[in-house]
C-alpha cells in the first residue's frame, strides 16, 4: 500500500502544480477572476516578471502535499492583506516617478506628471495613508476543481494498482 500512496501523492503533486500554474494564465483562481490592477501595464500583475509563478513548489511527505514559495510576497497576494507604508517604499515610489516622469530637455528637469505610471507613483509617494490593502489574488488553495482533480487522480492510481498488482494474482488464482 505504501507504493500506492506514494504513486497517488506523486501524481497529485504534478497535476495540482500544473493546475495552480494555469491560474496565472487564467488570471483567476479557477473560475474566480482576480481583481484588476490599478495601474495600467503589460500583462497580469502577478506575471510582470514571472518570479511568483516560477517560485511555486510542492513537497510531499507521508500523507500530504505542501505548496510553498520562497517569494516573500506570494502569501500576501494569495491571501490578501494590508501592508504598512515605509520610508523605503516612499523612496522607491519617488524613484519610479522620476523614471517615468517626462523631462524638459537638456537640463533634464522633470515636469510634474499627474497621469500614467509617473502620476501613479507620485500619488503613492505623496499618500498620507499609513497602510494599504492588497486584494486577494489567490493561486493556491482549496476549490471544488481541486477536489475533482484529487478524486480523478486517486481513482486512476487505484485502478492502475489493481490492474498491475491484484488482477494478475486473482486471474492466476481463478485458473486453478
C-alpha atoms as a PDB file:
ATOM      1  CA  UNK A   1       0.000   0.000   0.000  1.00  0.00           C
ATOM      2  CA  UNK A   2       2.987   2.306   0.547  1.00  0.00           C
ATOM      3  CA  UNK A   3       3.663   2.238  -3.211  1.00  0.00           C
ATOM      4  CA  UNK A   4       0.052   3.156  -3.938  1.00  0.00           C
ATOM      5  CA  UNK A   5       0.149   6.113  -1.541  1.00  0.00           C
ATOM      6  CA  UNK A   6       3.479   7.265  -2.969  1.00  0.00           C
ATOM      7  CA  UNK A   7       2.150   6.984  -6.528  1.00  0.00           C
ATOM      8  CA  UNK A   8      -1.003   8.937  -5.658  1.00  0.00           C
ATOM      9  CA  UNK A   9       0.945  11.734  -3.943  1.00  0.00           C
ATOM     10  CA  UNK A  10       3.434  11.912  -6.804  1.00  0.00           C
ATOM     11  CA  UNK A  11       0.668  12.132  -9.419  1.00  0.00           C
ATOM     12  CA  UNK A  12      -1.279  14.673  -7.356  1.00  0.00           C
ATOM     13  CA  UNK A  13       1.830  16.786  -6.935  1.00  0.00           C
ATOM     14  CA  UNK A  14       2.270  17.049 -10.708  1.00  0.00           C
ATOM     15  CA  UNK A  15      -1.433  17.507 -11.503  1.00  0.00           C
ATOM     16  CA  UNK A  16      -2.071  20.195  -8.879  1.00  0.00           C
ATOM     17  CA  UNK A  17       1.152  22.114  -9.597  1.00  0.00           C
ATOM     18  CA  UNK A  18       0.156  22.258 -13.270  1.00  0.00           C
ATOM     19  CA  UNK A  19      -3.353  23.401 -12.389  1.00  0.00           C
ATOM     20  CA  UNK A  20      -2.167  26.068  -9.940  1.00  0.00           C
ATOM     21  CA  UNK A  21       0.312  27.361 -12.541  1.00  0.00           C
ATOM     22  CA  UNK A  22      -2.576  27.657 -15.014  1.00  0.00           C
ATOM     23  CA  UNK A  23      -4.212  30.080 -12.574  1.00  0.00           C
ATOM     24  CA  UNK A  24      -1.540  32.609 -13.565  1.00  0.00           C
ATOM     25  CA  UNK A  25      -2.579  32.247 -17.215  1.00  0.00           C
ATOM     26  CA  UNK A  26      -6.297  32.385 -16.353  1.00  0.00           C
ATOM     27  CA  UNK A  27      -5.686  35.463 -14.181  1.00  0.00           C
ATOM     28  CA  UNK A  28      -8.117  33.775 -11.820  1.00  0.00           C
ATOM     29  CA  UNK A  29      -8.361  31.152  -9.110  1.00  0.00           C
ATOM     30  CA  UNK A  30     -10.012  28.590 -11.375  1.00  0.00           C
ATOM     31  CA  UNK A  31     -13.377  30.315 -12.024  1.00  0.00           C
ATOM     32  CA  UNK A  32     -12.896  33.325  -9.695  1.00  0.00           C
ATOM     33  CA  UNK A  33     -11.214  36.207 -11.593  1.00  0.00           C
ATOM     34  CA  UNK A  34      -8.582  38.265  -9.803  1.00  0.00           C
ATOM     35  CA  UNK A  35      -9.256  41.960  -9.137  1.00  0.00           C
ATOM     36  CA  UNK A  36      -7.799  44.135 -11.889  1.00  0.00           C
ATOM     37  CA  UNK A  37      -4.633  46.079 -11.242  1.00  0.00           C
ATOM     38  CA  UNK A  38      -4.917  49.803 -10.537  1.00  0.00           C
ATOM     39  CA  UNK A  39      -2.023  50.914 -12.723  1.00  0.00           C
ATOM     40  CA  UNK A  40      -2.250  50.113 -16.392  1.00  0.00           C
ATOM     41  CA  UNK A  41       0.550  47.881 -17.533  1.00  0.00           C
ATOM     42  CA  UNK A  42       1.537  44.938 -19.583  1.00  0.00           C
ATOM     43  CA  UNK A  43       0.039  41.621 -18.594  1.00  0.00           C
ATOM     44  CA  UNK A  44      -1.216  40.486 -15.242  1.00  0.00           C
ATOM     45  CA  UNK A  45       0.119  41.983 -12.031  1.00  0.00           C
ATOM     46  CA  UNK A  46       1.342  38.562 -10.852  1.00  0.00           C
ATOM     47  CA  UNK A  47       3.060  37.833 -14.167  1.00  0.00           C
ATOM     48  CA  UNK A  48       5.091  41.001 -14.710  1.00  0.00           C
ATOM     49  CA  UNK A  49       8.403  39.234 -14.064  1.00  0.00           C
ATOM     50  CA  UNK A  50       7.164  35.629 -13.725  1.00  0.00           C
ATOM     51  CA  UNK A  51       9.058  35.222 -10.435  1.00  0.00           C
ATOM     52  CA  UNK A  52       5.990  34.180  -8.424  1.00  0.00           C
ATOM     53  CA  UNK A  53       4.967  31.583 -10.978  1.00  0.00           C
ATOM     54  CA  UNK A  54       8.454  30.087 -11.166  1.00  0.00           C
ATOM     55  CA  UNK A  55       8.751  30.001  -7.375  1.00  0.00           C
ATOM     56  CA  UNK A  56       5.754  27.729  -6.761  1.00  0.00           C
ATOM     57  CA  UNK A  57       6.904  24.379  -5.331  1.00  0.00           C
ATOM     58  CA  UNK A  58       5.253  21.329  -3.831  1.00  0.00           C
ATOM     59  CA  UNK A  59       6.686  18.812  -1.384  1.00  0.00           C
ATOM     60  CA  UNK A  60       5.134  15.512  -0.382  1.00  0.00           C
ATOM     61  CA  UNK A  61       5.511  13.827   2.971  1.00  0.00           C
ATOM     62  CA  UNK A  62       3.996  10.527   4.129  1.00  0.00           C
ATOM     63  CA  UNK A  63       0.380  11.525   3.687  1.00  0.00           C
ATOM     64  CA  UNK A  64       0.048  15.076   2.370  1.00  0.00           C
ATOM     65  CA  UNK A  65       1.256  17.726  -0.043  1.00  0.00           C
ATOM     66  CA  UNK A  66       2.548  21.165   0.920  1.00  0.00           C
ATOM     67  CA  UNK A  67       2.661  24.030  -1.578  1.00  0.00           C
ATOM     68  CA  UNK A  68       5.145  26.814  -0.889  1.00  0.00           C
ATOM     69  CA  UNK A  69       7.171  29.617  -2.401  1.00  0.00           C
ATOM     70  CA  UNK A  70      10.398  31.354  -1.462  1.00  0.00           C
ATOM     71  CA  UNK A  71       8.961  34.686  -2.672  1.00  0.00           C
ATOM     72  CA  UNK A  72       8.093  36.760   0.405  1.00  0.00           C
ATOM     73  CA  UNK A  73       5.031  38.427  -1.131  1.00  0.00           C
ATOM     74  CA  UNK A  74       3.490  35.213  -2.509  1.00  0.00           C
ATOM     75  CA  UNK A  75       1.458  34.591   0.636  1.00  0.00           C
ATOM     76  CA  UNK A  76       0.278  38.219   0.768  1.00  0.00           C
ATOM     77  CA  UNK A  77      -1.107  38.029  -2.773  1.00  0.00           C
ATOM     78  CA  UNK A  78      -2.551  34.536  -2.259  1.00  0.00           C
ATOM     79  CA  UNK A  79      -4.453  35.545   0.908  1.00  0.00           C
ATOM     80  CA  UNK A  80      -4.746  39.316   0.538  1.00  0.00           C
ATOM     81  CA  UNK A  81      -3.880  41.674   3.375  1.00  0.00           C
ATOM     82  CA  UNK A  82      -2.512  45.033   4.404  1.00  0.00           C
ATOM     83  CA  UNK A  83       0.982  46.478   4.036  1.00  0.00           C
ATOM     84  CA  UNK A  84       2.489  49.324   6.079  1.00  0.00           C
ATOM     85  CA  UNK A  85       3.908  52.168   4.004  1.00  0.00           C
ATOM     86  CA  UNK A  86       7.566  52.553   4.987  1.00  0.00           C
ATOM     87  CA  UNK A  87      10.071  55.310   4.173  1.00  0.00           C
ATOM     88  CA  UNK A  88      11.893  52.852   1.910  1.00  0.00           C
ATOM     89  CA  UNK A  89       8.681  52.317  -0.050  1.00  0.00           C
ATOM     90  CA  UNK A  90       8.186  56.064  -0.449  1.00  0.00           C
ATOM     91  CA  UNK A  91      11.784  56.348  -1.694  1.00  0.00           C
ATOM     92  CA  UNK A  92      11.069  53.585  -4.239  1.00  0.00           C
ATOM     93  CA  UNK A  93       7.864  55.329  -5.374  1.00  0.00           C
ATOM     94  CA  UNK A  94       9.812  58.571  -5.924  1.00  0.00           C
ATOM     95  CA  UNK A  95      12.487  56.694  -7.873  1.00  0.00           C
ATOM     96  CA  UNK A  96       9.813  55.155 -10.086  1.00  0.00           C
ATOM     97  CA  UNK A  97       8.175  58.567 -10.520  1.00  0.00           C
ATOM     98  CA  UNK A  98      11.467  60.053 -11.777  1.00  0.00           C
ATOM     99  CA  UNK A  99      11.965  57.078 -14.053  1.00  0.00           C
ATOM    100  CA  UNK A 100       8.600  57.655 -15.779  1.00  0.00           C
ATOM    101  CA  UNK A 101       8.190  61.452 -15.479  1.00  0.00           C
ATOM    102  CA  UNK A 102       8.723  63.428 -18.697  1.00  0.00           C
ATOM    103  CA  UNK A 103      11.726  65.756 -18.849  1.00  0.00           C
ATOM    104  CA  UNK A 104      12.096  69.249 -20.371  1.00  0.00           C
ATOM    105  CA  UNK A 105      15.204  68.663 -22.363  1.00  0.00           C
ATOM    106  CA  UNK A 106      18.936  69.395 -21.966  1.00  0.00           C
ATOM    107  CA  UNK A 107      18.750  70.209 -18.242  1.00  0.00           C
ATOM    108  CA  UNK A 108      16.702  67.034 -17.670  1.00  0.00           C
ATOM    109  CA  UNK A 109      14.346  68.863 -15.309  1.00  0.00           C
ATOM    110  CA  UNK A 110      11.209  66.806 -14.637  1.00  0.00           C
ATOM    111  CA  UNK A 111       7.695  68.097 -15.240  1.00  0.00           C
ATOM    112  CA  UNK A 112       5.069  67.281 -12.659  1.00  0.00           C
ATOM    113  CA  UNK A 113       3.266  64.316 -14.156  1.00  0.00           C
ATOM    114  CA  UNK A 114      -0.238  63.545 -12.972  1.00  0.00           C
ATOM    115  CA  UNK A 115      -1.202  60.701 -15.267  1.00  0.00           C
ATOM    116  CA  UNK A 116       0.240  57.408 -16.467  1.00  0.00           C
ATOM    117  CA  UNK A 117       2.846  55.488 -14.486  1.00  0.00           C
ATOM    118  CA  UNK A 118       4.575  58.670 -13.275  1.00  0.00           C
ATOM    119  CA  UNK A 119       1.333  60.029 -11.820  1.00  0.00           C
ATOM    120  CA  UNK A 120       0.562  56.686 -10.203  1.00  0.00           C
ATOM    121  CA  UNK A 121       3.942  56.529  -8.445  1.00  0.00           C
ATOM    122  CA  UNK A 122       3.777  60.211  -7.463  1.00  0.00           C
ATOM    123  CA  UNK A 123       0.395  59.636  -5.825  1.00  0.00           C
ATOM    124  CA  UNK A 124       1.789  56.632  -3.945  1.00  0.00           C
ATOM    125  CA  UNK A 125       4.810  58.629  -2.765  1.00  0.00           C
ATOM    126  CA  UNK A 126       2.617  61.516  -1.546  1.00  0.00           C
ATOM    127  CA  UNK A 127      -0.156  59.455   0.018  1.00  0.00           C
ATOM    128  CA  UNK A 128      -0.949  60.101   3.661  1.00  0.00           C
ATOM    129  CA  UNK A 129      -2.059  56.519   4.164  1.00  0.00           C
ATOM    130  CA  UNK A 130      -0.075  54.543   6.719  1.00  0.00           C
ATOM    131  CA  UNK A 131      -1.031  51.255   5.072  1.00  0.00           C
ATOM    132  CA  UNK A 132      -2.816  49.965   2.029  1.00  0.00           C
ATOM    133  CA  UNK A 133      -4.712  46.818   1.199  1.00  0.00           C
ATOM    134  CA  UNK A 134      -3.551  44.193  -1.267  1.00  0.00           C
ATOM    135  CA  UNK A 135      -6.597  42.393  -2.682  1.00  0.00           C
ATOM    136  CA  UNK A 136      -6.588  38.611  -2.717  1.00  0.00           C
ATOM    137  CA  UNK A 137      -5.295  37.150  -5.964  1.00  0.00           C
ATOM    138  CA  UNK A 138      -5.399  33.501  -4.982  1.00  0.00           C
ATOM    139  CA  UNK A 139      -3.267  30.985  -6.846  1.00  0.00           C
ATOM    140  CA  UNK A 140      -3.119  28.033  -4.436  1.00  0.00           C
ATOM    141  CA  UNK A 141      -5.832  26.679  -2.174  1.00  0.00           C
ATOM    142  CA  UNK A 142      -8.964  24.606  -1.862  1.00  0.00           C
ATOM    143  CA  UNK A 143     -11.547  24.731  -4.640  1.00  0.00           C
ATOM    144  CA  UNK A 144     -14.146  22.275  -5.990  1.00  0.00           C
ATOM    145  CA  UNK A 145     -11.894  21.763  -9.044  1.00  0.00           C
ATOM    146  CA  UNK A 146      -9.072  20.639  -6.723  1.00  0.00           C
ATOM    147  CA  UNK A 147     -11.443  18.048  -5.255  1.00  0.00           C
ATOM    148  CA  UNK A 148     -12.284  16.758  -8.740  1.00  0.00           C
ATOM    149  CA  UNK A 149      -8.588  16.504  -9.620  1.00  0.00           C
ATOM    150  CA  UNK A 150      -7.838  14.634  -6.377  1.00  0.00           C
ATOM    151  CA  UNK A 151     -10.748  12.244  -6.948  1.00  0.00           C
ATOM    152  CA  UNK A 152      -9.807  11.543 -10.586  1.00  0.00           C
ATOM    153  CA  UNK A 153      -6.112  11.089  -9.766  1.00  0.00           C
ATOM    154  CA  UNK A 154      -6.824   8.721  -6.869  1.00  0.00           C
ATOM    155  CA  UNK A 155      -9.315   6.742  -8.946  1.00  0.00           C
ATOM    156  CA  UNK A 156      -6.807   6.364 -11.801  1.00  0.00           C
ATOM    157  CA  UNK A 157      -3.969   5.361  -9.436  1.00  0.00           C
ATOM    158  CA  UNK A 158      -6.107   2.756  -7.628  1.00  0.00           C
ATOM    159  CA  UNK A 159      -7.250   1.247 -10.950  1.00  0.00           C
ATOM    160  CA  UNK A 160      -3.636   1.060 -12.172  1.00  0.00           C
ATOM    161  CA  UNK A 161      -2.548  -0.510  -8.874  1.00  0.00           C
ATOM    162  CA  UNK A 162      -5.300  -3.135  -9.093  1.00  0.00           C
ATOM    163  CA  UNK A 163      -4.543  -3.893 -12.752  1.00  0.00           C
ATOM    164  CA  UNK A 164      -0.836  -4.245 -12.044  1.00  0.00           C
ATOM    165  CA  UNK A 165      -0.768  -5.951  -8.636  1.00  0.00           C
ATOM    166  CA  UNK A 166      -4.073  -7.581  -7.764  1.00  0.00           C
ATOM    167  CA  UNK A 167      -5.769  -8.561 -11.038  1.00  0.00           C
ATOM    168  CA  UNK A 168      -2.942 -10.849 -12.277  1.00  0.00           C
ATOM    169  CA  UNK A 169      -2.895 -12.739  -8.965  1.00  0.00           C
ATOM    170  CA  UNK A 170      -6.665 -13.035  -8.988  1.00  0.00           C
ATOM    171  CA  UNK A 171      -6.665 -14.368 -12.567  1.00  0.00           C
ATOM    172  CA  UNK A 172      -3.950 -16.872 -11.693  1.00  0.00           C
ATOM    173  CA  UNK A 173      -5.977 -17.987  -8.658  1.00  0.00           C
ATOM    174  CA  UNK A 174      -9.144 -18.379 -10.758  1.00  0.00           C
ATOM    175  CA  UNK A 175      -7.366 -20.644 -13.273  1.00  0.00           C
ATOM    176  CA  UNK A 176      -6.565 -23.209 -10.560  1.00  0.00           C
END
